[in-house]
Amino acid sequence: MLAYIVYTGASLTAVGFNNPKQFPSIEQAFPNLFEREEQQDWRIMKQRVEAFAKAKNQESR
């Protein structure tokens, strides 16, 4: 584990000096150390809200 962290740290240092615009977030750099929260796609949420509004409008008629 220590070797993994040292190797990744050296890789991040190289990226930081050579191409700082592509520097990854800490979750991307150490995916095994941090739990990644899955985000829902906004288009799916939009479809669900539209379907709910349509059902609610038909119910009120």
PDB file of N, CA and C in Angstrom:
ATOM      1  N   MET A   1       0.827  -1.187   0.000  1.00  0.00           N
ATOM      2  CA  MET A   1       0.000   0.000   0.000  1.00  0.00           C
ATOM      3  C   MET A   1       0.873   1.252   0.000  1.00  0.00           C
ATOM      4  N   LEU A   2       1.915   1.211   0.800  1.00  0.00           N
ATOM      5  CA  LEU A   2       2.816   2.359   0.858  1.00  0.00           C
ATOM      6  C   LEU A   2       3.487   2.596  -0.493  1.00  0.00           C
ATOM      7  N   ALA A   3       3.882   1.522  -1.163  1.00  0.00           N
ATOM      8  CA  ALA A   3       4.505   1.657  -2.484  1.00  0.00           C
ATOM      9  C   ALA A   3       3.519   2.265  -3.484  1.00  0.00           C
ATOM     10  N   TYR A   4       2.259   1.880  -3.397  1.00  0.00           N
ATOM     11  CA  TYR A   4       1.226   2.432  -4.278  1.00  0.00           C
ATOM     12  C   TYR A   4       1.080   3.932  -4.054  1.00  0.00           C
ATOM     13  N   ILE A   5       1.054   4.338  -2.802  1.00  0.00           N
ATOM     14  CA  ILE A   5       0.878   5.756  -2.478  1.00  0.00           C
ATOM     15  C   ILE A   5       2.096   6.560  -2.941  1.00  0.00           C
ATOM     16  N   VAL A   6       3.297   6.028  -2.719  1.00  0.00           N
ATOM     17  CA  VAL A   6       4.512   6.730  -3.150  1.00  0.00           C
ATOM     18  C   VAL A   6       4.558   6.842  -4.671  1.00  0.00           C
ATOM     19  N   TYR A   7       4.225   5.759  -5.372  1.00  0.00           N
ATOM     20  CA  TYR A   7       4.236   5.778  -6.833  1.00  0.00           C
ATOM     21  C   TYR A   7       3.209   6.778  -7.373  1.00  0.00           C
ATOM     22  N   THR A   8       2.024   6.754  -6.816  1.00  0.00           N
ATOM     23  CA  THR A   8       0.981   7.684  -7.261  1.00  0.00           C
ATOM     24  C   THR A   8       1.374   9.122  -6.943  1.00  0.00           C
ATOM     25  N   GLY A   9       1.983   9.339  -5.791  1.00  0.00           N
ATOM     26  CA  GLY A   9       2.452  10.682  -5.446  1.00  0.00           C
ATOM     27  C   GLY A   9       3.494  11.192  -6.424  1.00  0.00           C
ATOM     28  N   ALA A  10       4.408  10.314  -6.832  1.00  0.00           N
ATOM     29  CA  ALA A  10       5.418  10.702  -7.820  1.00  0.00           C
ATOM     30  C   ALA A  10       4.765  11.007  -9.167  1.00  0.00           C
ATOM     31  N   SER A  11       3.787  10.224  -9.549  1.00  0.00           N
ATOM     32  CA  SER A  11       3.067  10.471 -10.804  1.00  0.00           C
ATOM     33  C   SER A  11       2.335  11.806 -10.752  1.00  0.00           C
ATOM     34  N   LEU A  12       1.713  12.098  -9.618  1.00  0.00           N
ATOM     35  CA  LEU A  12       0.995  13.365  -9.473  1.00  0.00           C
ATOM     36  C   LEU A  12       1.955  14.553  -9.504  1.00  0.00           C
ATOM     37  N   THR A  13       3.123  14.373  -8.930  1.00  0.00           N
ATOM     38  CA  THR A  13       4.132  15.433  -8.969  1.00  0.00           C
ATOM     39  C   THR A  13       4.554  15.715 -10.402  1.00  0.00           C
ATOM     40  N   ALA A  14       4.759  14.662 -11.176  1.00  0.00           N
ATOM     41  CA  ALA A  14       5.137  14.829 -12.580  1.00  0.00           C
ATOM     42  C   ALA A  14       4.038  15.543 -13.360  1.00  0.00           C
ATOM     43  N   VAL A  15       2.805  15.165 -13.138  1.00  0.00           N
ATOM     44  CA  VAL A  15       1.686  15.821 -13.834  1.00  0.00           C
ATOM     45  C   VAL A  15       1.585  17.270 -13.391  1.00  0.00           C
ATOM     46  N   GLY A  16       1.763  17.524 -12.103  1.00  0.00           N
ATOM     47  CA  GLY A  16       1.675  18.881 -11.579  1.00  0.00           C
ATOM     48  C   GLY A  16       2.699  19.823 -12.186  1.00  0.00           C
ATOM     49  N   PHE A  17       3.900  19.327 -12.403  1.00  0.00           N
ATOM     50  CA  PHE A  17       4.938  20.174 -12.983  1.00  0.00           C
ATOM     51  C   PHE A  17       4.802  20.304 -14.494  1.00  0.00           C
ATOM     52  N   ASN A  18       4.448  19.224 -15.166  1.00  0.00           N
ATOM     53  CA  ASN A  18       4.441  19.229 -16.629  1.00  0.00           C
ATOM     54  C   ASN A  18       3.129  19.663 -17.253  1.00  0.00           C
ATOM     55  N   ASN A  19       2.020  19.330 -16.628  1.00  0.00           N
ATOM     56  CA  ASN A  19       0.718  19.673 -17.208  1.00  0.00           C
ATOM     57  C   ASN A  19      -0.305  19.875 -16.086  1.00  0.00           C
ATOM     58  N   PRO A  20      -0.237  21.002 -15.388  1.00  0.00           N
ATOM     59  CA  PRO A  20      -1.111  21.193 -14.223  1.00  0.00           C
ATOM     60  C   PRO A  20      -2.602  21.251 -14.551  1.00  0.00           C
ATOM     61  N   LYS A  21      -2.961  21.527 -15.789  1.00  0.00           N
ATOM     62  CA  LYS A  21      -4.387  21.574 -16.148  1.00  0.00           C
ATOM     63  C   LYS A  21      -5.027  20.191 -16.119  1.00  0.00           C
ATOM     64  N   GLN A  22      -4.237  19.139 -16.239  1.00  0.00           N
ATOM     65  CA  GLN A  22      -4.759  17.777 -16.212  1.00  0.00           C
ATOM     66  C   GLN A  22      -4.584  17.117 -14.853  1.00  0.00           C
ATOM     67  N   PHE A  23      -4.308  17.900 -13.824  1.00  0.00           N
ATOM     68  CA  PHE A  23      -4.108  17.347 -12.489  1.00  0.00           C
ATOM     69  C   PHE A  23      -5.428  16.772 -11.987  1.00  0.00           C
ATOM     70  N   PRO A  24      -5.451  15.498 -11.592  1.00  0.00           N
ATOM     71  CA  PRO A  24      -6.712  14.858 -11.180  1.00  0.00           C
ATOM     72  C   PRO A  24      -7.129  15.273  -9.767  1.00  0.00           C
ATOM     73  N   SER A  25      -8.399  15.062  -9.479  1.00  0.00           N
ATOM     74  CA  SER A  25      -8.879  15.297  -8.124  1.00  0.00           C
ATOM     75  C   SER A  25      -8.342  14.188  -7.224  1.00  0.00           C
ATOM     76  N   ILE A  26      -8.459  14.380  -5.920  1.00  0.00           N
ATOM     77  CA  ILE A  26      -7.930  13.375  -4.986  1.00  0.00           C
ATOM     78  C   ILE A  26      -8.678  12.054  -5.118  1.00  0.00           C
ATOM     79  N   GLU A  27      -9.976  12.105  -5.448  1.00  0.00           N
ATOM     80  CA  GLU A  27     -10.751  10.880  -5.630  1.00  0.00           C
ATOM     81  C   GLU A  27     -10.287  10.120  -6.864  1.00  0.00           C
ATOM     82  N   GLN A  28      -9.907  10.848  -7.911  1.00  0.00           N
ATOM     83  CA  GLN A  28      -9.410  10.193  -9.118  1.00  0.00           C
ATOM     84  C   GLN A  28      -7.999   9.654  -8.912  1.00  0.00           C
ATOM     85  N   ALA A  29      -7.185  10.371  -8.151  1.00  0.00           N
ATOM     86  CA  ALA A  29      -5.806   9.950  -7.930  1.00  0.00           C
ATOM     87  C   ALA A  29      -5.721   8.717  -7.031  1.00  0.00           C
ATOM     88  N   PHE A  30      -6.588   8.656  -6.023  1.00  0.00           N
ATOM     89  CA  PHE A  30      -6.585   7.537  -5.081  1.00  0.00           C
ATOM     90  C   PHE A  30      -7.987   6.921  -5.009  1.00  0.00           C
ATOM     91  N   PRO A  31      -8.415   6.215  -6.059  1.00  0.00           N
ATOM     92  CA  PRO A  31      -9.792   5.695  -6.087  1.00  0.00           C
ATOM     93  C   PRO A  31     -10.070   4.639  -5.019  1.00  0.00           C
ATOM     94  N   ASN A  32      -9.053   3.944  -4.545  1.00  0.00           N
ATOM     95  CA  ASN A  32      -9.280   2.909  -3.546  1.00  0.00           C
ATOM     96  C   ASN A  32      -9.385   3.462  -2.132  1.00  0.00           C
ATOM     97  N   LEU A  33      -8.932   4.688  -1.933  1.00  0.00           N
ATOM     98  CA  LEU A  33      -8.952   5.279  -0.596  1.00  0.00           C
ATOM     99  C   LEU A  33     -10.224   6.052  -0.302  1.00  0.00           C
ATOM    100  N   PHE A  34     -10.898   6.520  -1.327  1.00  0.00           N
ATOM    101  CA  PHE A  34     -12.090   7.348  -1.151  1.00  0.00           C
ATOM    102  C   PHE A  34     -13.269   6.708  -1.859  1.00  0.00           C
ATOM    103  N   GLU A  35     -14.406   6.706  -1.192  1.00  0.00           N
ATOM    104  CA  GLU A  35     -15.620   6.204  -1.837  1.00  0.00           C
ATOM    105  C   GLU A  35     -16.139   7.266  -2.785  1.00  0.00           C
ATOM    106  N   ARG A  36     -16.509   6.824  -3.944  1.00  0.00           N
ATOM    107  CA  ARG A  36     -17.003   7.749  -4.949  1.00  0.00           C
ATOM    108  C   ARG A  36     -18.523   7.704  -4.950  1.00  0.00           C
ATOM    109  N   GLU A  37     -19.131   8.863  -4.816  1.00  0.00           N
ATOM    110  CA  GLU A  37     -20.587   8.940  -4.850  1.00  0.00           C
ATOM    111  C   GLU A  37     -21.041   9.063  -6.293  1.00  0.00           C
ATOM    112  N   GLU A  38     -21.914   8.167  -6.686  1.00  0.00           N
ATOM    113  CA  GLU A  38     -22.439   8.207  -8.045  1.00  0.00           C
ATOM    114  C   GLU A  38     -23.470   9.322  -8.135  1.00  0.00           C
ATOM    115  N   GLN A  39     -23.341  10.142  -9.152  1.00  0.00           N
ATOM    116  CA  GLN A  39     -24.296  11.213  -9.369  1.00  0.00           C
ATOM    117  C   GLN A  39     -25.264  10.793 -10.460  1.00  0.00           C
ATOM    118  N   GLN A  40     -26.518  11.151 -10.243  1.00  0.00           N
ATOM    119  CA  GLN A  40     -27.523  10.810 -11.239  1.00  0.00           C
ATOM    120  C   GLN A  40     -27.431  11.780 -12.405  1.00  0.00           C
ATOM    121  N   ASP A  41     -27.771  11.274 -13.554  1.00  0.00           N
ATOM    122  CA  ASP A  41     -27.789  12.088 -14.751  1.00  0.00           C
ATOM    123  C   ASP A  41     -28.977  13.045 -14.675  1.00  0.00           C
ATOM    124  N   TRP A  42     -28.753  14.308 -14.957  1.00  0.00           N
ATOM    125  CA  TRP A  42     -29.817  15.309 -14.844  1.00  0.00           C
ATOM    126  C   TRP A  42     -30.946  15.038 -15.833  1.00  0.00           C
ATOM    127  N   ARG A  43     -30.633  14.395 -16.955  1.00  0.00           N
ATOM    128  CA  ARG A  43     -31.688  14.122 -17.945  1.00  0.00           C
ATOM    129  C   ARG A  43     -32.677  13.090 -17.419  1.00  0.00           C
ATOM    130  N   ILE A  44     -32.182  12.116 -16.663  1.00  0.00           N
ATOM    131  CA  ILE A  44     -33.065  11.116 -16.067  1.00  0.00           C
ATOM    132  C   ILE A  44     -33.963  11.778 -15.035  1.00  0.00           C
ATOM    133  N   MET A  45     -33.375  12.630 -14.207  1.00  0.00           N
ATOM    134  CA  MET A  45     -34.169  13.335 -13.186  1.00  0.00           C
ATOM    135  C   MET A  45     -35.217  14.233 -13.847  1.00  0.00           C
ATOM    136  N   LYS A  46     -34.844  14.883 -14.953  1.00  0.00           N
ATOM    137  CA  LYS A  46     -35.785  15.744 -15.669  1.00  0.00           C
ATOM    138  C   LYS A  46     -36.965  14.924 -16.197  1.00  0.00           C
ATOM    139  N   GLN A  47     -36.677  13.747 -16.748  1.00  0.00           N
ATOM    140  CA  GLN A  47     -37.749  12.885 -17.251  1.00  0.00           C
ATOM    141  C   GLN A  47     -38.681  12.454 -16.120  1.00  0.00           C
ATOM    142  N   ARG A  48     -38.116  12.136 -14.979  1.00  0.00           N
ATOM    143  CA  ARG A  48     -38.931  11.708 -13.839  1.00  0.00           C
ATOM    144  C   ARG A  48     -39.827  12.838 -13.345  1.00  0.00           C
ATOM    145  N   VAL A  49     -39.288  14.043 -13.277  1.00  0.00           N
ATOM    146  CA  VAL A  49     -40.081  15.189 -12.820  1.00  0.00           C
ATOM    147  C   VAL A  49     -41.189  15.492 -13.825  1.00  0.00           C
ATOM    148  N   GLU A  50     -40.886  15.437 -15.108  1.00  0.00           N
ATOM    149  CA  GLU A  50     -41.896  15.683 -16.133  1.00  0.00           C
ATOM    150  C   GLU A  50     -42.995  14.624 -16.091  1.00  0.00           C
ATOM    151  N   ALA A  51     -42.617  13.366 -15.897  1.00  0.00           N
ATOM    152  CA  ALA A  51     -43.619  12.300 -15.807  1.00  0.00           C
ATOM    153  C   ALA A  51     -44.493  12.476 -14.572  1.00  0.00           C
ATOM    154  N   PHE A  52     -43.893  12.879 -13.457  1.00  0.00           N
ATOM    155  CA  PHE A  52     -44.657  13.120 -12.234  1.00  0.00           C
ATOM    156  C   PHE A  52     -45.623  14.281 -12.434  1.00  0.00           C
ATOM    157  N   ALA A  53     -45.152  15.361 -13.051  1.00  0.00           N
ATOM    158  CA  ALA A  53     -46.011  16.528 -13.282  1.00  0.00           C
ATOM    159  C   ALA A  53     -47.162  16.168 -14.214  1.00  0.00           C
ATOM    160  N   LYS A  54     -46.885  15.382 -15.234  1.00  0.00           N
ATOM    161  CA  LYS A  54     -47.939  14.971 -16.168  1.00  0.00           C
ATOM    162  C   LYS A  54     -48.982  14.119 -15.456  1.00  0.00           C
ATOM    163  N   ALA A  55     -48.535  13.165 -14.639  1.00  0.00           N
ATOM    164  CA  ALA A  55     -49.462  12.317 -13.889  1.00  0.00           C
ATOM    165  C   ALA A  55     -50.264  13.141 -12.892  1.00  0.00           C
ATOM    166  N   LYS A  56     -49.645  14.090 -12.253  1.00  0.00           N
ATOM    167  CA  LYS A  56     -50.321  14.928 -11.257  1.00  0.00           C
ATOM    168  C   LYS A  56     -51.364  15.818 -11.944  1.00  0.00           C
ATOM    169  N   ASN A  57     -51.039  16.356 -13.117  1.00  0.00           N
ATOM    170  CA  ASN A  57     -51.979  17.201 -13.846  1.00  0.00           C
ATOM    171  C   ASN A  57     -53.172  16.383 -14.334  1.00  0.00           C
ATOM    172  N   GLN A  58     -52.957  15.146 -14.769  1.00  0.00           N
ATOM    173  CA  GLN A  58     -54.064  14.309 -15.226  1.00  0.00           C
ATOM    174  C   GLN A  58     -54.942  13.894 -14.039  1.00  0.00           C
ATOM    175  N   GLU A  59     -54.347  13.724 -12.894  1.00  0.00           N
ATOM    176  CA  GLU A  59     -55.074  13.336 -11.683  1.00  0.00           C
ATOM    177  C   GLU A  59     -55.997  14.454 -11.207  1.00  0.00           C
ATOM    178  N   SER A  60     -55.565  15.699 -11.380  1.00  0.00           N
ATOM    179  CA  SER A  60     -56.347  16.832 -10.882  1.00  0.00           C
ATOM    180  C   SER A  60     -57.509  17.190 -11.813  1.00  0.00           C
ATOM    181  N   ARG A  61     -57.564  16.636 -12.988  1.00  0.00           N
ATOM    182  CA  ARG A  61     -58.652  16.957 -13.931  1.00  0.00           C
ATOM    183  C   ARG A  61     -59.890  16.192 -13.635  1.00  0.00           C
TER     184      ARG A  61
END
